[in-house]
Structure formats: C-alpha cells, structure tokens
Amino acid sequence: MAGASGDDSTSRFWAWLGGIASLLAILTWLGVSNAQEMKELLAESSPPSSSSTPYEPSETVDTPDTPETSDADTSDSDSYDDSSGGSDEPESETSSPTPDPTEESFTAVSAGDCLEIYDTGRRADSIEWSADVPPDPVPCNSQRAGLVQVTSTTDTNCPSGAGKASWMYTSAVSGRTTKLCVTRIYQKYYCVLGKQVGDKTELGSMTAVDCKARQIPAAYNRIIHIIGVYQAPANASSRNCVEGPDDRTQYLAWLMNDDRTLLCGTIYNGG
C-alpha cells in the first residue's frame, strides 16, 4: 500500500511539472518574458471580483396591481379639489345697474340750492318746468326771471300755497322717486303770467315770461310786471305798493310765502 501511495505522488508530481512546462511553453508563445508580464497577463485574464456582499438570489415579491387611473382620480399633490369651489375661470362679476343720468341730477341737488327753473305755463292745471333736469345751482341773490330755492329733498309731501311747488322725477331704471320742494324767489322788473277772472287777477306764481312776448300760453291772458317785493305788513294790500303821494299807478298785490311776502305788480303795457 505504501508503494502504491508513493507512485501516486510521483505521478502527480510529474503531472504538475508537465502542467508547468505546458504553461511556460504557452507563455513563451504569447511573448511573456518575465514574471511581471505574467502577473499582468493573469490579472487581465482573471474574472472580475464579486462584491463583498454575498450574492443572494432575489425573491419574487407580489405587489398589488396598480389601480387604473380614472377621470375621477387624476389629482396629485399639486392639484386643486373641485369640491373646494376653486375654478380656473374668473367668477362672473355682478353687473352694476345701468345708471340714470336724470336721476343722478335730481339726487345731486341739496336743500338750500337755488335753481334757475320756472313753470312755462303751457299746462293749465299742472306745472311744466322749463328744464328736464335740474340745472347747476346759482347764487340765490341772482337777478334771474325764474328762480326757485330748494327747501327740502326728503319730504314726501311738499308745502303747498302761492309761490310753492314740488318737482318730482321717477326713474324708469331704479323705480325710485326723487322729489324737490321749492319756493319761488321773485325779482323786481321781471314778468310772470296772470289770468284775469272778473275783477281779480290770478297769478301764475311759479311762471316766468318775457315781458315783451307776443304770445302767451292759452291758460293765461295777462303778463304781470313785478314792481316791488316787500316784507308784508299787517293787513297788507295794494295800498302798500304805492311809492309816494304822487304815485297814480294801478297796482295789483298778492301775498306770497305764507303771507310773509307782499308782491306788487302791474299789467305790462310795454312801458
């Protein structure tokens, strides 16, 4: 048995030497002349080193199927939620009502303003104002043929009587009504319309007219020339209009402004 073992060792030794001889022959054929070149050649021919982490076969992990995307589930973290009320389109603005310039002119008037406005006299039973909208205010001491002072812009019922009236406008746009209460301011040497009935002359207290007018509205038959405007004394009459002992003028007199103002006039004769 010992002889057999020695023979095996000898055989392996010679086999090893034969392998070395074969390797050297191959290297000589490849042109490797020294040990350094052999080392480099062996390094190039070696398989790449594996990671230090031992290789472990990957396990197959069952993952839930990705849910299909639907129209109702397309939002991400940057998307807005329709339920919050957001919208890309601008919200429609509430349209403002169409303005009514005439109403704005009426509401711009203040109590105490004086306006150059008068009754044309063309309507027998009601006032037809000389303008459709209130004109710009003027000084209350202006020498104007037709002048009124606004006493209220809030009264539902305006005071009535000689020299007092109301000017009202109802807007077809807003439906609101604006009413101006006005009182006439009389000026000396201007003319108003009158109507003779029997032995009396009724005065168109809110009217104004050109003293030399050739035609006047049908509701009137006289042009009255204002001669004096006075603070009315007690029991005032046309006698209080006389300007002196030699004054032979036939005066007409009217008490205005709740009997506080005496208005003296004559029928205009072109003088």
C-alpha atoms as a PDB file:
ATOM      1  CA  MET A   1       0.000   0.000   0.000  1.00  0.00           C
ATOM      2  CA  ALA A   2       2.890   2.357   0.780  1.00  0.00           C
ATOM      3  CA  GLY A   3       4.460   1.686  -2.613  1.00  0.00           C
ATOM      4  CA  ALA A   4       1.195   2.482  -4.333  1.00  0.00           C
ATOM      5  CA  SER A   5       0.881   5.782  -2.464  1.00  0.00           C
ATOM      6  CA  GLY A   6       4.400   6.793  -3.471  1.00  0.00           C
ATOM      7  CA  ASP A   7       3.686   6.004  -7.072  1.00  0.00           C
ATOM      8  CA  ASP A   8       0.594   8.253  -6.956  1.00  0.00           C
ATOM      9  CA  SER A   9       2.585  11.128  -5.525  1.00  0.00           C
ATOM     10  CA  THR A  10       5.282  10.684  -8.129  1.00  0.00           C
ATOM     11  CA  SER A  11       2.643  10.646 -10.857  1.00  0.00           C
ATOM     12  CA  ARG A  12       1.023  13.824  -9.537  1.00  0.00           C
ATOM     13  CA  PHE A  13       4.452  15.491  -9.304  1.00  0.00           C
ATOM     14  CA  TRP A  14       5.272  14.688 -12.891  1.00  0.00           C
ATOM     15  CA  ALA A  15       1.825  15.775 -13.962  1.00  0.00           C
ATOM     16  CA  TRP A  16       2.318  19.074 -12.163  1.00  0.00           C
ATOM     17  CA  LEU A  17       5.712  19.576 -13.820  1.00  0.00           C
ATOM     18  CA  GLY A  18       4.170  18.776 -17.127  1.00  0.00           C
ATOM     19  CA  GLY A  19       1.499  21.396 -16.499  1.00  0.00           C
ATOM     20  CA  ILE A  20       4.140  23.946 -15.619  1.00  0.00           C
ATOM     21  CA  ALA A  21       6.098  23.117 -18.729  1.00  0.00           C
ATOM     22  CA  SER A  22       2.970  23.479 -20.840  1.00  0.00           C
ATOM     23  CA  LEU A  23       2.195  26.839 -19.209  1.00  0.00           C
ATOM     24  CA  LEU A  24       5.721  28.096 -19.843  1.00  0.00           C
ATOM     25  CA  ALA A  25       5.504  26.990 -23.425  1.00  0.00           C
ATOM     26  CA  ILE A  26       2.248  28.912 -23.852  1.00  0.00           C
ATOM     27  CA  LEU A  27       3.704  31.983 -22.234  1.00  0.00           C
ATOM     28  CA  THR A  28       6.757  31.810 -24.446  1.00  0.00           C
ATOM     29  CA  TRP A  29       4.436  31.584 -27.452  1.00  0.00           C
ATOM     30  CA  LEU A  30       2.489  34.636 -26.187  1.00  0.00           C
ATOM     31  CA  GLY A  31       5.719  36.568 -25.749  1.00  0.00           C
ATOM     32  CA  VAL A  32       5.744  36.793 -21.955  1.00  0.00           C
ATOM     33  CA  SER A  33       9.400  37.099 -20.990  1.00  0.00           C
ATOM     34  CA  ASN A  34       9.314  37.727 -17.248  1.00  0.00           C
ATOM     35  CA  ALA A  35       7.288  37.241 -14.113  1.00  0.00           C
ATOM     36  CA  GLN A  36       5.834  40.834 -14.137  1.00  0.00           C
ATOM     37  CA  GLU A  37       4.333  40.366 -17.557  1.00  0.00           C
ATOM     38  CA  MET A  38       2.959  37.017 -16.440  1.00  0.00           C
ATOM     39  CA  LYS A  39       1.339  38.654 -13.401  1.00  0.00           C
ATOM     40  CA  GLU A  40      -0.271  41.324 -15.559  1.00  0.00           C
ATOM     41  CA  LEU A  41      -1.482  38.722 -18.002  1.00  0.00           C
ATOM     42  CA  LEU A  42      -3.004  36.641 -15.191  1.00  0.00           C
ATOM     43  CA  ALA A  43      -4.674  39.804 -13.762  1.00  0.00           C
ATOM     44  CA  GLU A  44      -6.211  40.602 -17.144  1.00  0.00           C
ATOM     45  CA  SER A  45      -7.459  37.074 -17.679  1.00  0.00           C
ATOM     46  CA  SER A  46      -8.949  36.725 -14.162  1.00  0.00           C
ATOM     47  CA  PRO A  47     -12.728  37.105 -13.829  1.00  0.00           C
ATOM     48  CA  PRO A  48     -13.878  40.326 -12.128  1.00  0.00           C
ATOM     49  CA  SER A  49     -14.086  40.101  -8.391  1.00  0.00           C
ATOM     50  CA  SER A  50     -17.546  39.917  -6.963  1.00  0.00           C
ATOM     51  CA  SER A  51     -18.981  42.329  -4.421  1.00  0.00           C
ATOM     52  CA  SER A  52     -18.085  41.735  -0.841  1.00  0.00           C
ATOM     53  CA  THR A  53     -21.746  41.236  -0.201  1.00  0.00           C
ATOM     54  CA  PRO A  54     -22.539  37.628  -0.838  1.00  0.00           C
ATOM     55  CA  TYR A  55     -24.907  37.144  -3.680  1.00  0.00           C
ATOM     56  CA  GLU A  56     -28.373  36.193  -2.701  1.00  0.00           C
ATOM     57  CA  PRO A  57     -30.990  35.295  -5.221  1.00  0.00           C
ATOM     58  CA  SER A  58     -33.724  37.908  -5.372  1.00  0.00           C
ATOM     59  CA  GLU A  59     -37.048  36.848  -4.133  1.00  0.00           C
ATOM     60  CA  THR A  60     -40.123  37.496  -6.170  1.00  0.00           C
ATOM     61  CA  VAL A  61     -42.379  39.861  -4.257  1.00  0.00           C
ATOM     62  CA  ASP A  62     -46.005  40.051  -5.153  1.00  0.00           C
ATOM     63  CA  THR A  63     -47.082  43.662  -5.363  1.00  0.00           C
ATOM     64  CA  PRO A  64     -50.662  44.790  -5.631  1.00  0.00           C
ATOM     65  CA  ASP A  65     -51.735  45.744  -9.091  1.00  0.00           C
ATOM     66  CA  THR A  66     -51.507  49.443  -9.778  1.00  0.00           C
ATOM     67  CA  PRO A  67     -55.083  50.757  -9.829  1.00  0.00           C
ATOM     68  CA  GLU A  68     -56.197  52.036 -13.156  1.00  0.00           C
ATOM     69  CA  THR A  69     -56.452  55.772 -13.391  1.00  0.00           C
ATOM     70  CA  SER A  70     -59.926  57.112 -13.910  1.00  0.00           C
ATOM     71  CA  ASP A  71     -61.216  60.584 -14.678  1.00  0.00           C
ATOM     72  CA  ALA A  72     -62.346  60.921 -11.096  1.00  0.00           C
ATOM     73  CA  ASP A  73     -58.924  60.095  -9.650  1.00  0.00           C
ATOM     74  CA  THR A  74     -56.343  62.145 -11.562  1.00  0.00           C
ATOM     75  CA  SER A  75     -55.380  64.636  -8.873  1.00  0.00           C
ATOM     76  CA  ASP A  76     -51.954  64.808  -7.283  1.00  0.00           C
ATOM     77  CA  SER A  77     -50.461  66.892  -4.517  1.00  0.00           C
ATOM     78  CA  ASP A  78     -50.377  69.968  -6.772  1.00  0.00           C
ATOM     79  CA  SER A  79     -53.944  69.640  -7.981  1.00  0.00           C
ATOM     80  CA  TYR A  80     -56.867  71.542  -6.546  1.00  0.00           C
ATOM     81  CA  ASP A  81     -60.029  69.914  -5.339  1.00  0.00           C
ATOM     82  CA  ASP A  82     -63.103  70.908  -7.307  1.00  0.00           C
ATOM     83  CA  SER A  83     -65.159  70.458  -4.171  1.00  0.00           C
ATOM     84  CA  SER A  84     -63.348  73.415  -2.601  1.00  0.00           C
ATOM     85  CA  GLY A  85     -65.046  75.737  -5.027  1.00  0.00           C
ATOM     86  CA  GLY A  86     -61.915  76.727  -6.947  1.00  0.00           C
ATOM     87  CA  SER A  87     -62.145  77.453 -10.630  1.00  0.00           C
ATOM     88  CA  ASP A  88     -59.750  78.418 -13.378  1.00  0.00           C
ATOM     89  CA  GLU A  89     -62.368  80.699 -14.867  1.00  0.00           C
ATOM     90  CA  PRO A  90     -62.840  84.123 -13.251  1.00  0.00           C
ATOM     91  CA  GLU A  91     -66.017  84.489 -11.304  1.00  0.00           C
ATOM     92  CA  SER A  92     -68.604  86.483 -13.151  1.00  0.00           C
ATOM     93  CA  GLU A  93     -68.886  89.954 -11.669  1.00  0.00           C
ATOM     94  CA  THR A  94     -72.277  91.160 -10.572  1.00  0.00           C
ATOM     95  CA  SER A  95     -73.325  93.587 -13.242  1.00  0.00           C
ATOM     96  CA  SER A  96     -73.936  97.045 -11.870  1.00  0.00           C
ATOM     97  CA  PRO A  97     -77.310  98.595 -12.694  1.00  0.00           C
ATOM     98  CA  THR A  98     -77.471 100.927 -15.661  1.00  0.00           C
ATOM     99  CA  PRO A  99     -77.126 104.489 -14.375  1.00  0.00           C
ATOM    100  CA  ASP A 100     -79.912 107.003 -14.897  1.00  0.00           C
ATOM    101  CA  PRO A 101     -78.305 110.429 -15.559  1.00  0.00           C
ATOM    102  CA  THR A 102     -81.547 112.287 -14.883  1.00  0.00           C
ATOM    103  CA  GLU A 103     -81.970 110.583 -11.517  1.00  0.00           C
ATOM    104  CA  GLU A 104     -78.349 111.388 -10.683  1.00  0.00           C
ATOM    105  CA  SER A 105     -79.006 115.066 -11.475  1.00  0.00           C
ATOM    106  CA  PHE A 106     -82.000 115.128  -9.144  1.00  0.00           C
ATOM    107  CA  THR A 107     -80.231 113.373  -6.289  1.00  0.00           C
ATOM    108  CA  ALA A 108     -77.278 115.766  -6.636  1.00  0.00           C
ATOM    109  CA  VAL A 109     -79.468 118.698  -5.593  1.00  0.00           C
ATOM    110  CA  SER A 110     -79.236 119.791  -1.958  1.00  0.00           C
ATOM    111  CA  ALA A 111     -81.642 121.709   0.256  1.00  0.00           C
ATOM    112  CA  GLY A 112     -80.769 125.407   0.093  1.00  0.00           C
ATOM    113  CA  ASP A 113     -79.668 125.311  -3.569  1.00  0.00           C
ATOM    114  CA  CYS A 114     -81.134 127.947  -5.855  1.00  0.00           C
ATOM    115  CA  LEU A 115     -82.024 126.888  -9.386  1.00  0.00           C
ATOM    116  CA  GLU A 116     -82.944 128.879 -12.467  1.00  0.00           C
ATOM    117  CA  ILE A 117     -86.156 126.995 -13.192  1.00  0.00           C
ATOM    118  CA  TYR A 118     -89.777 128.063 -13.716  1.00  0.00           C
ATOM    119  CA  ASP A 119     -93.214 126.998 -14.929  1.00  0.00           C
ATOM    120  CA  THR A 120     -93.684 127.632 -18.661  1.00  0.00           C
ATOM    121  CA  GLY A 121     -97.446 127.957 -18.149  1.00  0.00           C
ATOM    122  CA  ARG A 122     -98.278 125.693 -21.084  1.00  0.00           C
ATOM    123  CA  ARG A 123    -100.251 123.338 -18.864  1.00  0.00           C
ATOM    124  CA  ALA A 124    -103.290 124.860 -17.269  1.00  0.00           C
ATOM    125  CA  ASP A 125    -103.712 122.509 -14.346  1.00  0.00           C
ATOM    126  CA  SER A 126    -100.131 121.440 -13.666  1.00  0.00           C
ATOM    127  CA  ILE A 127     -96.599 122.749 -13.854  1.00  0.00           C
ATOM    128  CA  GLU A 128     -94.419 122.229 -16.898  1.00  0.00           C
ATOM    129  CA  TRP A 129     -90.883 123.023 -15.802  1.00  0.00           C
ATOM    130  CA  SER A 130     -88.568 124.874 -18.155  1.00  0.00           C
ATOM    131  CA  ALA A 131     -85.915 122.135 -17.976  1.00  0.00           C
ATOM    132  CA  ASP A 132     -85.982 118.358 -17.886  1.00  0.00           C
ATOM    133  CA  VAL A 133     -83.196 118.057 -15.322  1.00  0.00           C
ATOM    134  CA  PRO A 134     -82.101 120.397 -12.531  1.00  0.00           C
ATOM    135  CA  PRO A 135     -79.564 122.937 -13.788  1.00  0.00           C
ATOM    136  CA  ASP A 136     -76.432 123.831 -11.862  1.00  0.00           C
ATOM    137  CA  PRO A 137     -77.138 125.902  -8.749  1.00  0.00           C
ATOM    138  CA  VAL A 138     -76.749 129.685  -8.950  1.00  0.00           C
ATOM    139  CA  PRO A 139     -76.412 132.322  -6.201  1.00  0.00           C
ATOM    140  CA  CYS A 140     -79.751 132.879  -4.517  1.00  0.00           C
ATOM    141  CA  ASN A 141     -79.459 136.661  -4.981  1.00  0.00           C
ATOM    142  CA  SER A 142     -79.040 136.307  -8.752  1.00  0.00           C
ATOM    143  CA  GLN A 143     -81.143 138.613 -10.885  1.00  0.00           C
ATOM    144  CA  ARG A 144     -82.984 135.947 -12.838  1.00  0.00           C
ATOM    145  CA  ALA A 145     -86.510 135.928 -14.264  1.00  0.00           C
ATOM    146  CA  GLY A 146     -87.226 132.456 -12.963  1.00  0.00           C
ATOM    147  CA  LEU A 147     -85.544 131.398  -9.734  1.00  0.00           C
ATOM    148  CA  VAL A 148     -86.514 128.914  -7.031  1.00  0.00           C
ATOM    149  CA  GLN A 149     -84.881 127.784  -3.821  1.00  0.00           C
ATOM    150  CA  VAL A 150     -84.927 124.114  -2.831  1.00  0.00           C
ATOM    151  CA  THR A 151     -86.321 123.819   0.685  1.00  0.00           C
ATOM    152  CA  SER A 152     -86.246 120.007   1.004  1.00  0.00           C
ATOM    153  CA  THR A 153     -85.156 116.900  -0.882  1.00  0.00           C
ATOM    154  CA  THR A 154     -86.591 114.390   1.594  1.00  0.00           C
ATOM    155  CA  ASP A 155     -90.184 115.469   2.306  1.00  0.00           C
ATOM    156  CA  THR A 156     -92.808 113.131   0.961  1.00  0.00           C
ATOM    157  CA  ASN A 157     -95.373 115.934   0.864  1.00  0.00           C
ATOM    158  CA  CYS A 158     -94.097 119.377  -0.066  1.00  0.00           C
ATOM    159  CA  PRO A 159     -95.747 122.507   1.341  1.00  0.00           C
ATOM    160  CA  SER A 160     -98.398 123.980  -0.928  1.00  0.00           C
ATOM    161  CA  GLY A 161     -99.622 127.507  -1.481  1.00  0.00           C
ATOM    162  CA  ALA A 162     -98.788 130.547  -3.584  1.00  0.00           C
ATOM    163  CA  GLY A 163     -95.145 130.531  -4.632  1.00  0.00           C
ATOM    164  CA  LYS A 164     -94.564 126.915  -3.542  1.00  0.00           C
ATOM    165  CA  ALA A 165     -94.368 123.752  -5.583  1.00  0.00           C
ATOM    166  CA  SER A 166     -92.681 120.392  -5.971  1.00  0.00           C
ATOM    167  CA  TRP A 167     -90.556 118.965  -8.758  1.00  0.00           C
ATOM    168  CA  MET A 168     -90.676 115.184  -8.952  1.00  0.00           C
ATOM    169  CA  TYR A 169     -88.911 112.562 -11.023  1.00  0.00           C
ATOM    170  CA  THR A 170     -89.460 108.791 -11.039  1.00  0.00           C
ATOM    171  CA  SER A 171     -86.674 106.749 -12.605  1.00  0.00           C
ATOM    172  CA  ALA A 172     -87.720 104.026 -15.021  1.00  0.00           C
ATOM    173  CA  VAL A 173     -84.366 102.355 -14.291  1.00  0.00           C
ATOM    174  CA  SER A 174     -84.336 102.200 -10.490  1.00  0.00           C
ATOM    175  CA  GLY A 175     -88.028 102.773  -9.836  1.00  0.00           C
ATOM    176  CA  ARG A 176     -87.160 105.375  -7.183  1.00  0.00           C
ATOM    177  CA  THR A 177     -88.866 108.761  -6.944  1.00  0.00           C
ATOM    178  CA  THR A 178     -86.962 111.943  -6.111  1.00  0.00           C
ATOM    179  CA  LYS A 179     -88.958 114.981  -5.034  1.00  0.00           C
ATOM    180  CA  LEU A 180     -87.647 118.520  -4.661  1.00  0.00           C
ATOM    181  CA  CYS A 181     -89.691 121.003  -2.626  1.00  0.00           C
ATOM    182  CA  VAL A 182     -89.165 124.518  -3.991  1.00  0.00           C
ATOM    183  CA  THR A 183     -90.148 128.088  -3.156  1.00  0.00           C
ATOM    184  CA  ARG A 184     -90.222 130.905  -5.720  1.00  0.00           C
ATOM    185  CA  ILE A 185     -87.808 133.834  -5.394  1.00  0.00           C
ATOM    186  CA  TYR A 186     -89.307 136.931  -7.044  1.00  0.00           C
ATOM    187  CA  GLN A 187     -87.250 139.688  -8.600  1.00  0.00           C
ATOM    188  CA  LYS A 188     -88.298 143.265  -9.361  1.00  0.00           C
ATOM    189  CA  TYR A 189     -88.821 144.269 -13.015  1.00  0.00           C
ATOM    190  CA  TYR A 190     -89.284 140.721 -14.304  1.00  0.00           C
ATOM    191  CA  CYS A 191     -92.573 139.336 -15.589  1.00  0.00           C
ATOM    192  CA  VAL A 192     -94.857 136.437 -14.745  1.00  0.00           C
ATOM    193  CA  LEU A 193     -98.090 135.154 -16.259  1.00  0.00           C
ATOM    194  CA  GLY A 194    -101.527 136.071 -14.934  1.00  0.00           C
ATOM    195  CA  LYS A 195    -105.162 135.456 -15.676  1.00  0.00           C
ATOM    196  CA  GLN A 196    -107.934 137.983 -15.182  1.00  0.00           C
ATOM    197  CA  VAL A 197    -111.103 136.452 -13.785  1.00  0.00           C
ATOM    198  CA  GLY A 198    -113.805 139.048 -13.151  1.00  0.00           C
ATOM    199  CA  ASP A 199    -112.299 141.910 -11.227  1.00  0.00           C
ATOM    200  CA  LYS A 200    -109.422 139.798  -9.906  1.00  0.00           C
ATOM    201  CA  THR A 201    -106.156 138.746 -11.485  1.00  0.00           C
ATOM    202  CA  GLU A 202    -104.856 135.305 -10.612  1.00  0.00           C
ATOM    203  CA  LEU A 203    -101.100 134.992 -10.629  1.00  0.00           C
ATOM    204  CA  GLY A 204     -99.181 132.104 -12.146  1.00  0.00           C
ATOM    205  CA  SER A 205     -96.913 132.143  -9.106  1.00  0.00           C
ATOM    206  CA  MET A 206     -94.270 129.751 -10.468  1.00  0.00           C
ATOM    207  CA  THR A 207     -94.246 131.127 -14.032  1.00  0.00           C
ATOM    208  CA  ALA A 208     -91.831 133.432 -15.802  1.00  0.00           C
ATOM    209  CA  VAL A 209     -92.205 135.064 -19.184  1.00  0.00           C
ATOM    210  CA  ASP A 210     -90.567 137.605 -21.439  1.00  0.00           C
ATOM    211  CA  CYS A 211     -92.275 140.869 -20.689  1.00  0.00           C
ATOM    212  CA  LYS A 212     -92.490 141.647 -24.442  1.00  0.00           C
ATOM    213  CA  ALA A 213     -93.725 138.228 -25.508  1.00  0.00           C
ATOM    214  CA  ARG A 214     -96.207 138.440 -28.407  1.00  0.00           C
ATOM    215  CA  GLN A 215     -97.874 135.165 -27.498  1.00  0.00           C
ATOM    216  CA  ILE A 216     -98.511 133.587 -24.135  1.00  0.00           C
ATOM    217  CA  PRO A 217     -99.879 130.151 -23.142  1.00  0.00           C
ATOM    218  CA  ALA A 218    -103.644 129.768 -23.620  1.00  0.00           C
ATOM    219  CA  ALA A 219    -104.273 129.272 -19.886  1.00  0.00           C
ATOM    220  CA  TYR A 220    -103.277 132.913 -19.237  1.00  0.00           C
ATOM    221  CA  ASN A 221    -104.351 136.266 -20.652  1.00  0.00           C
ATOM    222  CA  ARG A 222    -102.125 138.740 -18.884  1.00  0.00           C
ATOM    223  CA  ILE A 223     -98.424 139.498 -18.460  1.00  0.00           C
ATOM    224  CA  ILE A 224     -97.731 140.821 -14.974  1.00  0.00           C
ATOM    225  CA  HIS A 225     -94.776 143.148 -14.424  1.00  0.00           C
ATOM    226  CA  ILE A 226     -93.306 142.822 -10.926  1.00  0.00           C
ATOM    227  CA  ILE A 227     -92.752 146.288  -9.452  1.00  0.00           C
ATOM    228  CA  GLY A 228     -91.904 145.538  -5.842  1.00  0.00           C
ATOM    229  CA  VAL A 229     -91.127 142.647  -3.475  1.00  0.00           C
ATOM    230  CA  TYR A 230     -91.592 143.580   0.199  1.00  0.00           C
ATOM    231  CA  GLN A 231     -91.902 142.090   3.623  1.00  0.00           C
ATOM    232  CA  ALA A 232     -95.657 142.060   4.127  1.00  0.00           C
ATOM    233  CA  PRO A 233     -97.012 144.354   6.848  1.00  0.00           C
ATOM    234  CA  ALA A 234    -100.134 143.519   8.787  1.00  0.00           C
ATOM    235  CA  ASN A 235    -103.295 143.740   6.670  1.00  0.00           C
ATOM    236  CA  ALA A 236    -101.201 144.230   3.542  1.00  0.00           C
ATOM    237  CA  SER A 237    -102.937 145.267   0.328  1.00  0.00           C
ATOM    238  CA  SER A 238    -102.243 147.097  -2.928  1.00  0.00           C
ATOM    239  CA  ARG A 239    -102.198 150.371  -0.971  1.00  0.00           C
ATOM    240  CA  ASN A 240     -98.869 149.255   0.480  1.00  0.00           C
ATOM    241  CA  CYS A 241     -97.432 149.166  -3.043  1.00  0.00           C
ATOM    242  CA  VAL A 242     -97.800 152.922  -3.616  1.00  0.00           C
ATOM    243  CA  GLU A 243     -94.391 154.576  -3.675  1.00  0.00           C
ATOM    244  CA  GLY A 244     -95.435 158.122  -2.822  1.00  0.00           C
ATOM    245  CA  PRO A 245     -98.271 160.664  -2.728  1.00  0.00           C
ATOM    246  CA  ASP A 246     -97.914 161.378  -6.426  1.00  0.00           C
ATOM    247  CA  ASP A 247     -97.929 157.722  -7.469  1.00  0.00           C
ATOM    248  CA  ARG A 248    -101.108 157.097  -9.506  1.00  0.00           C
ATOM    249  CA  THR A 249    -100.178 153.569 -10.638  1.00  0.00           C
ATOM    250  CA  GLN A 250    -102.910 150.952 -10.538  1.00  0.00           C
ATOM    251  CA  TYR A 251    -101.184 148.225  -8.544  1.00  0.00           C
ATOM    252  CA  LEU A 252    -102.054 144.597  -8.179  1.00  0.00           C
ATOM    253  CA  ALA A 253    -100.952 142.872  -4.984  1.00  0.00           C
ATOM    254  CA  TRP A 254    -100.503 139.296  -3.850  1.00  0.00           C
ATOM    255  CA  LEU A 255     -99.424 137.826  -0.567  1.00  0.00           C
ATOM    256  CA  MET A 256     -96.841 135.074  -1.026  1.00  0.00           C
ATOM    257  CA  ASN A 257     -94.718 132.793   1.159  1.00  0.00           C
ATOM    258  CA  ASP A 258     -97.426 132.123   3.753  1.00  0.00           C
ATOM    259  CA  ASP A 259     -98.442 135.803   3.693  1.00  0.00           C
ATOM    260  CA  ARG A 260     -94.968 136.948   4.673  1.00  0.00           C
ATOM    261  CA  THR A 261     -94.098 138.495   1.303  1.00  0.00           C
ATOM    262  CA  LEU A 262     -96.015 141.255  -0.481  1.00  0.00           C
ATOM    263  CA  LEU A 263     -95.697 141.081  -4.249  1.00  0.00           C
ATOM    264  CA  CYS A 264     -96.657 144.230  -6.139  1.00  0.00           C
ATOM    265  CA  GLY A 265     -97.177 144.341  -9.897  1.00  0.00           C
ATOM    266  CA  THR A 266     -98.979 145.875 -12.841  1.00  0.00           C
ATOM    267  CA  ILE A 267    -100.331 144.622 -16.120  1.00  0.00           C
ATOM    268  CA  TYR A 268     -97.477 145.074 -18.539  1.00  0.00           C
ATOM    269  CA  ASN A 269     -98.283 147.652 -21.202  1.00  0.00           C
ATOM    270  CA  GLY A 270     -94.966 147.798 -22.982  1.00  0.00           C
ATOM    271  CA  GLY A 271     -93.575 150.647 -20.947  1.00  0.00           C
END
